Amino acid sequence: VEDRWMRRLAAILEAPTGENSSDAAQLTTDLWIGGRSAAMDVLAANSRGITDLVNICEPWCPLGPNSESIQYVGIEAEDRASFPILSDKWYGKIRSHVCAGRTRGAVFLIH
């Protein structure tokens, strides 16, 4: 699974890019990766039109005026090389949310 994921990630990163800024980068038309300020923007001004926030940094969760209109999934990943983020427990939770979101045309921010 990890090798396949890394190949897919490499293909995304090598594709022509969208917007890149100091707080977020657009990897595809429906996928952004960003830091804390980008996640906070999703629930405030939502300048990028994000519909789904995937938070890998729980228990921190931003709140704001758009909280009710954003789909959310989060995990509490540990900042260590041996953390099993690609295990069914963690990756499975994120994948099921992303797959469901894609059927409704979601735009994701991975934080």
Foldseek 3Di string as FASTA:
>chain_A
DVVVVVVVVVVLVPDDWDDDDPAWTGSDLQEIEGDDVQQQCCQEVNPSVAQEEEEAPPPDHHHHNNPVRHHYDYDHFDPDPPTPCVDCVRVVRVVVVVVVQVVVPGRYYYD
